């Protein structure tokens, strides 16, 4: 998996942007796709520390298609914004003003 092979999409949700990139995993015929992503405020410079909340698929979790991987990534991003994700939150983005 390389950065240039990542296909990105962005969804606006509750005043945040959810960016999800899908990747093809080599060697996995059954579930060849996975995702990475981040949540940020619109227009944020995500290269700066504290301006985004990054997330990714758990371990070796895979998906049969890029569409399935992207849908799960957006779902995870929404759970981060909603405050229902068990480990990640946008609270730091809200309190720091980033």
Protein backbone atom coordinates (compact mmCIF):
# COMPACT_ATOMS: atom_id res chain seq x y z
CA UNK A 1 0.00 0.00 0.00
CA UNK A 2 1.39 3.36 -0.94
CA UNK A 3 0.15 6.89 -0.38
CA UNK A 4 -0.20 7.55 -4.12
CA UNK A 5 -2.52 4.54 -4.47
CA UNK A 6 -4.98 5.95 -1.92
CA UNK A 7 -8.33 7.14 -3.30
CA UNK A 8 -9.73 9.92 -1.12
CA UNK A 9 -13.25 11.19 -0.62
CA UNK A 10 -14.59 13.85 1.73
CA UNK A 11 -17.95 14.07 3.48
CA UNK A 12 -19.17 17.10 5.44
CA UNK A 13 -20.85 16.14 8.71
CA UNK A 14 -22.02 18.26 11.65
CA UNK A 15 -19.56 21.09 10.91
CA UNK A 16 -16.57 18.78 10.32
CA UNK A 17 -14.98 17.16 7.30
CA UNK A 18 -14.48 13.40 7.24
CA UNK A 19 -11.76 12.36 4.80
CA UNK A 20 -11.57 8.65 3.94
CA UNK A 21 -8.96 7.04 1.74
CA UNK A 22 -9.38 3.53 0.41
CA UNK A 23 -6.41 1.30 -0.31
CA UNK A 24 -5.97 -2.00 -2.07
CA UNK A 25 -4.04 -4.57 -0.04
CA UNK A 26 -1.80 -6.81 -2.07
CA UNK A 27 -2.07 -10.55 -1.58
CA UNK A 28 -5.54 -10.61 -0.03
CA UNK A 29 -7.98 -12.02 -2.59
CA UNK A 30 -11.07 -12.23 -0.35
CA UNK A 31 -11.03 -8.80 1.26
CA UNK A 32 -8.55 -6.72 -0.71
CA UNK A 33 -9.57 -3.23 0.48
CA UNK A 34 -9.06 -1.23 3.65
CA UNK A 35 -9.31 2.42 4.70
CA UNK A 36 -7.56 5.24 6.51
CA UNK A 37 -9.03 8.60 7.38
CA UNK A 38 -9.16 11.71 9.47
CA UNK A 39 -11.67 14.21 10.83
CA UNK A 40 -10.97 17.96 10.81
CA UNK A 41 -12.60 21.38 10.69
CA UNK A 42 -13.20 22.73 7.18
CA UNK A 43 -10.03 24.33 5.83
CA UNK A 44 -7.78 23.00 8.61
CA UNK A 45 -4.11 22.41 7.86
CA UNK A 46 -4.03 18.73 8.77
CA UNK A 47 -0.23 18.65 8.54
CA UNK A 48 -0.11 20.63 11.78
CA UNK A 49 -0.32 18.65 15.03
CA UNK A 50 -3.69 18.82 16.73
CA UNK A 51 -5.63 19.91 13.65
CA UNK A 52 -7.11 16.49 12.83
CA UNK A 53 -8.10 13.18 14.39
CA UNK A 54 -6.71 10.25 12.39
CA UNK A 55 -8.27 6.79 12.25
CA UNK A 56 -7.87 3.53 10.34
CA UNK A 57 -9.35 0.06 10.02
CA UNK A 58 -8.54 -2.23 12.93
CA UNK A 59 -5.63 -4.62 12.39
CA UNK A 60 -6.17 -6.83 9.40
CA UNK A 61 -9.80 -5.77 8.88
CA UNK A 62 -10.57 -5.90 5.17
CA UNK A 63 -13.46 -5.26 2.82
CA UNK A 64 -14.58 -6.85 -0.43
CA UNK A 65 -14.75 -3.52 -2.31
CA UNK A 66 -13.55 0.06 -2.14
CA UNK A 67 -17.16 1.15 -1.68
CA UNK A 68 -17.55 -1.05 1.42
CA UNK A 69 -14.26 0.21 2.85
CA UNK A 70 -15.22 3.85 2.22
CA UNK A 71 -18.67 3.38 3.76
CA UNK A 72 -17.15 1.89 6.91
CA UNK A 73 -14.59 4.70 7.07
CA UNK A 74 -17.31 7.34 6.86
CA UNK A 75 -19.29 5.47 9.54
CA UNK A 76 -16.25 5.50 11.85
CA UNK A 77 -15.65 9.19 11.12
CA UNK A 78 -19.25 10.01 12.02
CA UNK A 79 -18.93 8.08 15.28
CA UNK A 80 -15.87 10.18 16.14
CA UNK A 81 -17.80 13.41 15.49
CA UNK A 82 -20.88 12.13 17.36
CA UNK A 83 -18.80 11.13 20.38
CA UNK A 84 -19.82 7.48 20.20
CA UNK A 85 -16.44 6.06 19.13
CA UNK A 86 -14.92 4.14 22.05
CA UNK A 87 -11.41 5.61 21.68
CA UNK A 88 -11.42 8.76 19.52
CA UNK A 89 -13.07 12.17 19.86
CA UNK A 90 -13.11 15.61 18.24
CA UNK A 91 -13.06 17.24 21.70
CA UNK A 92 -9.43 18.30 21.25
CA UNK A 93 -10.32 20.02 17.97
CA UNK A 94 -13.19 21.88 19.60
CA UNK A 95 -11.32 22.97 22.74
CA UNK A 96 -8.07 23.96 20.98
CA UNK A 97 -9.81 25.97 18.29
CA UNK A 98 -7.94 24.02 15.59
